[in-house]
Amino acid sequence: MDDDKTKQTDGNMARPEPRNLRVIQSARVTPNMHRVTLGGDGLDGFPAGQSGGYVKLMLTGPDGGRPLVRTYTIRNQSDGGIAVDFALHGSDQDSPVPRQTGRSTRRLVT
């Protein structure tokens, strides 16, 4: 990963800088699963071969409040994006996915 995408914390491990990504595809896979593909310039320098790895997404909190940080598994990675599956529980109102997929950018912490 590019050095400019990582920052040193007070320990010995470097923490990646957040990346701004765009939703490039969004589709309901099953009644209880929604797949979102994220890409754009923010994916530059993202390491290859991360299918099965994980990412942390910063999603807009309820009523635009404090962001929610959630960990998701990368379902698939291609040259142009990474696909993440969201399990839907209860009504669509209970999930951040329907609220998030209409917006153009997301914060991603790898």
C-alpha atoms as a PDB file:
ATOM      1  CA  MET A   1       0.000   0.000   0.000  1.00  0.00           C
ATOM      2  CA  ASP A   2       1.190   3.542  -0.696  1.00  0.00           C
ATOM      3  CA  ASP A   3       2.848   5.241   2.266  1.00  0.00           C
ATOM      4  CA  ASP A   4       0.516   8.231   1.907  1.00  0.00           C
ATOM      5  CA  LYS A   5      -2.458   5.931   2.627  1.00  0.00           C
ATOM      6  CA  THR A   6      -1.091   4.911   6.045  1.00  0.00           C
ATOM      7  CA  LYS A   7      -0.387   6.806   9.235  1.00  0.00           C
ATOM      8  CA  GLN A   8       1.581   5.868  12.311  1.00  0.00           C
ATOM      9  CA  THR A   9      -0.306   5.400  15.552  1.00  0.00           C
ATOM     10  CA  ASP A  10       1.231   5.530  19.013  1.00  0.00           C
ATOM     11  CA  GLY A  11       2.009   1.778  18.766  1.00  0.00           C
ATOM     12  CA  ASN A  12       4.230   0.036  16.258  1.00  0.00           C
ATOM     13  CA  MET A  13       1.480  -0.700  13.740  1.00  0.00           C
ATOM     14  CA  ALA A  14       0.479   1.741  11.034  1.00  0.00           C
ATOM     15  CA  ARG A  15      -3.229   2.400  10.556  1.00  0.00           C
ATOM     16  CA  PRO A  16      -4.449   2.994   6.984  1.00  0.00           C
ATOM     17  CA  GLU A  17      -5.858   6.403   6.136  1.00  0.00           C
ATOM     18  CA  PRO A  18      -9.574   6.421   5.284  1.00  0.00           C
ATOM     19  CA  ARG A  19     -10.371   6.304   1.580  1.00  0.00           C
ATOM     20  CA  ASN A  20     -13.298   7.986  -0.160  1.00  0.00           C
ATOM     21  CA  LEU A  21     -15.070   5.551  -2.452  1.00  0.00           C
ATOM     22  CA  ARG A  22     -18.094   5.739  -4.715  1.00  0.00           C
ATOM     23  CA  VAL A  23     -20.935   3.264  -4.906  1.00  0.00           C
ATOM     24  CA  ILE A  24     -20.563   1.986  -8.459  1.00  0.00           C
ATOM     25  CA  GLN A  25     -23.155  -0.780  -8.244  1.00  0.00           C
ATOM     26  CA  SER A  26     -25.885  -1.691  -5.786  1.00  0.00           C
ATOM     27  CA  ALA A  27     -28.209  -4.675  -6.063  1.00  0.00           C
ATOM     28  CA  ARG A  28     -30.448  -6.853  -3.931  1.00  0.00           C
ATOM     29  CA  VAL A  29     -28.977 -10.372  -4.146  1.00  0.00           C
ATOM     30  CA  THR A  30     -31.675 -12.108  -2.089  1.00  0.00           C
ATOM     31  CA  PRO A  31     -34.545 -10.772   0.028  1.00  0.00           C
ATOM     32  CA  ASN A  32     -32.110 -10.678   2.972  1.00  0.00           C
ATOM     33  CA  MET A  33     -28.842  -9.737   1.224  1.00  0.00           C
ATOM     34  CA  HIS A  34     -27.748  -6.542  -0.512  1.00  0.00           C
ATOM     35  CA  ARG A  35     -24.464  -6.285  -2.482  1.00  0.00           C
ATOM     36  CA  VAL A  36     -22.687  -2.955  -2.919  1.00  0.00           C
ATOM     37  CA  THR A  37     -19.639  -2.512  -5.149  1.00  0.00           C
ATOM     38  CA  LEU A  38     -17.353   0.360  -4.136  1.00  0.00           C
ATOM     39  CA  GLY A  39     -14.728   1.935  -6.387  1.00  0.00           C
ATOM     40  CA  GLY A  40     -13.336   5.175  -7.736  1.00  0.00           C
ATOM     41  CA  ASP A  41     -10.051   7.020  -7.336  1.00  0.00           C
ATOM     42  CA  GLY A  42      -9.966   6.236  -3.610  1.00  0.00           C
ATOM     43  CA  LEU A  43      -9.272   2.624  -4.495  1.00  0.00           C
ATOM     44  CA  ASP A  44      -5.896   3.567  -6.039  1.00  0.00           C
ATOM     45  CA  GLY A  45      -3.136   1.730  -4.204  1.00  0.00           C
ATOM     46  CA  PHE A  46      -5.556  -0.727  -2.589  1.00  0.00           C
ATOM     47  CA  PRO A  47      -3.739  -4.090  -2.432  1.00  0.00           C
ATOM     48  CA  ALA A  48      -4.807  -6.823  -4.855  1.00  0.00           C
ATOM     49  CA  GLY A  49      -6.018 -10.225  -3.740  1.00  0.00           C
ATOM     50  CA  GLN A  50      -8.208  -9.038  -0.869  1.00  0.00           C
ATOM     51  CA  SER A  51     -11.305 -11.150  -1.620  1.00  0.00           C
ATOM     52  CA  GLY A  52     -12.183 -12.730   1.723  1.00  0.00           C
ATOM     53  CA  GLY A  53     -10.341  -9.978   3.604  1.00  0.00           C
ATOM     54  CA  TYR A  54     -12.148  -7.253   5.468  1.00  0.00           C
ATOM     55  CA  VAL A  55     -12.740  -3.510   5.373  1.00  0.00           C
ATOM     56  CA  LYS A  56     -14.197  -1.075   7.866  1.00  0.00           C
ATOM     57  CA  LEU A  57     -16.847   1.238   6.487  1.00  0.00           C
ATOM     58  CA  MET A  58     -17.817   4.558   8.024  1.00  0.00           C
ATOM     59  CA  LEU A  59     -21.535   4.946   7.412  1.00  0.00           C
ATOM     60  CA  THR A  60     -23.689   7.950   8.188  1.00  0.00           C
ATOM     61  CA  GLY A  61     -25.226   7.559  11.621  1.00  0.00           C
ATOM     62  CA  PRO A  62     -28.911   7.865  12.451  1.00  0.00           C
ATOM     63  CA  ASP A  63     -30.281  11.306  11.577  1.00  0.00           C
ATOM     64  CA  GLY A  64     -26.865  12.312  10.177  1.00  0.00           C
ATOM     65  CA  GLY A  65     -25.234  11.983  13.584  1.00  0.00           C
ATOM     66  CA  ARG A  66     -22.003  10.326  14.595  1.00  0.00           C
ATOM     67  CA  PRO A  67     -20.747   7.891  11.909  1.00  0.00           C
ATOM     68  CA  LEU A  68     -21.232   4.169  12.378  1.00  0.00           C
ATOM     69  CA  VAL A  69     -18.087   2.087  11.811  1.00  0.00           C
ATOM     70  CA  ARG A  70     -18.775  -1.482  10.736  1.00  0.00           C
ATOM     71  CA  THR A  71     -16.506  -4.312   9.560  1.00  0.00           C
ATOM     72  CA  TYR A  72     -17.448  -6.156   6.373  1.00  0.00           C
ATOM     73  CA  THR A  73     -15.920  -9.017   4.397  1.00  0.00           C
ATOM     74  CA  ILE A  74     -14.845  -8.281   0.832  1.00  0.00           C
ATOM     75  CA  ARG A  75     -17.008 -10.633  -1.223  1.00  0.00           C
ATOM     76  CA  ASN A  76     -15.154 -10.057  -4.483  1.00  0.00           C
ATOM     77  CA  GLN A  77     -12.421  -7.769  -5.786  1.00  0.00           C
ATOM     78  CA  SER A  78     -11.949  -6.680  -9.393  1.00  0.00           C
ATOM     79  CA  ASP A  79      -9.723  -4.081 -11.035  1.00  0.00           C
ATOM     80  CA  GLY A  80     -12.465  -1.494 -10.655  1.00  0.00           C
ATOM     81  CA  GLY A  81     -13.924  -2.192  -7.243  1.00  0.00           C
ATOM     82  CA  ILE A  82     -14.622  -4.275  -4.202  1.00  0.00           C
ATOM     83  CA  ALA A  83     -17.983  -5.919  -3.533  1.00  0.00           C
ATOM     84  CA  VAL A  84     -19.379  -6.078  -0.004  1.00  0.00           C
ATOM     85  CA  ASP A  85     -22.505  -7.988   1.031  1.00  0.00           C
ATOM     86  CA  PHE A  86     -24.844  -6.590   3.665  1.00  0.00           C
ATOM     87  CA  ALA A  87     -27.166  -8.946   5.544  1.00  0.00           C
ATOM     88  CA  LEU A  88     -30.531  -7.266   6.014  1.00  0.00           C
ATOM     89  CA  HIS A  89     -32.243  -7.764   9.360  1.00  0.00           C
ATOM     90  CA  GLY A  90     -35.802  -6.694   9.980  1.00  0.00           C
ATOM     91  CA  SER A  91     -37.156  -3.839   7.895  1.00  0.00           C
ATOM     92  CA  ASP A  92     -35.050  -1.752   5.518  1.00  0.00           C
ATOM     93  CA  GLN A  93     -35.303   0.995   8.110  1.00  0.00           C
ATOM     94  CA  ASP A  94     -33.076  -1.060  10.441  1.00  0.00           C
ATOM     95  CA  SER A  95     -30.213  -1.285   7.940  1.00  0.00           C
ATOM     96  CA  PRO A  96     -27.726   1.420   6.947  1.00  0.00           C
ATOM     97  CA  VAL A  97     -27.589   0.013   3.394  1.00  0.00           C
ATOM     98  CA  PRO A  98     -30.720   1.592   1.862  1.00  0.00           C
ATOM     99  CA  ARG A  99     -29.801   4.957   3.372  1.00  0.00           C
ATOM    100  CA  GLN A 100     -26.188   4.754   2.180  1.00  0.00           C
ATOM    101  CA  THR A 101     -26.343   3.419  -1.364  1.00  0.00           C
ATOM    102  CA  GLY A 102     -27.961   6.523  -2.790  1.00  0.00           C
ATOM    103  CA  ARG A 103     -25.026   8.751  -1.877  1.00  0.00           C
ATOM    104  CA  SER A 104     -21.934   9.123  -4.014  1.00  0.00           C
ATOM    105  CA  THR A 105     -19.081   8.702  -1.530  1.00  0.00           C
ATOM    106  CA  ARG A 106     -18.277   6.586   1.483  1.00  0.00           C
ATOM    107  CA  ARG A 107     -15.359   6.479   3.864  1.00  0.00           C
ATOM    108  CA  LEU A 108     -13.425   3.244   3.874  1.00  0.00           C
ATOM    109  CA  VAL A 109     -10.827   2.221   6.407  1.00  0.00           C
ATOM    110  CA  THR A 110      -8.823  -0.763   5.231  1.00  0.00           C
END
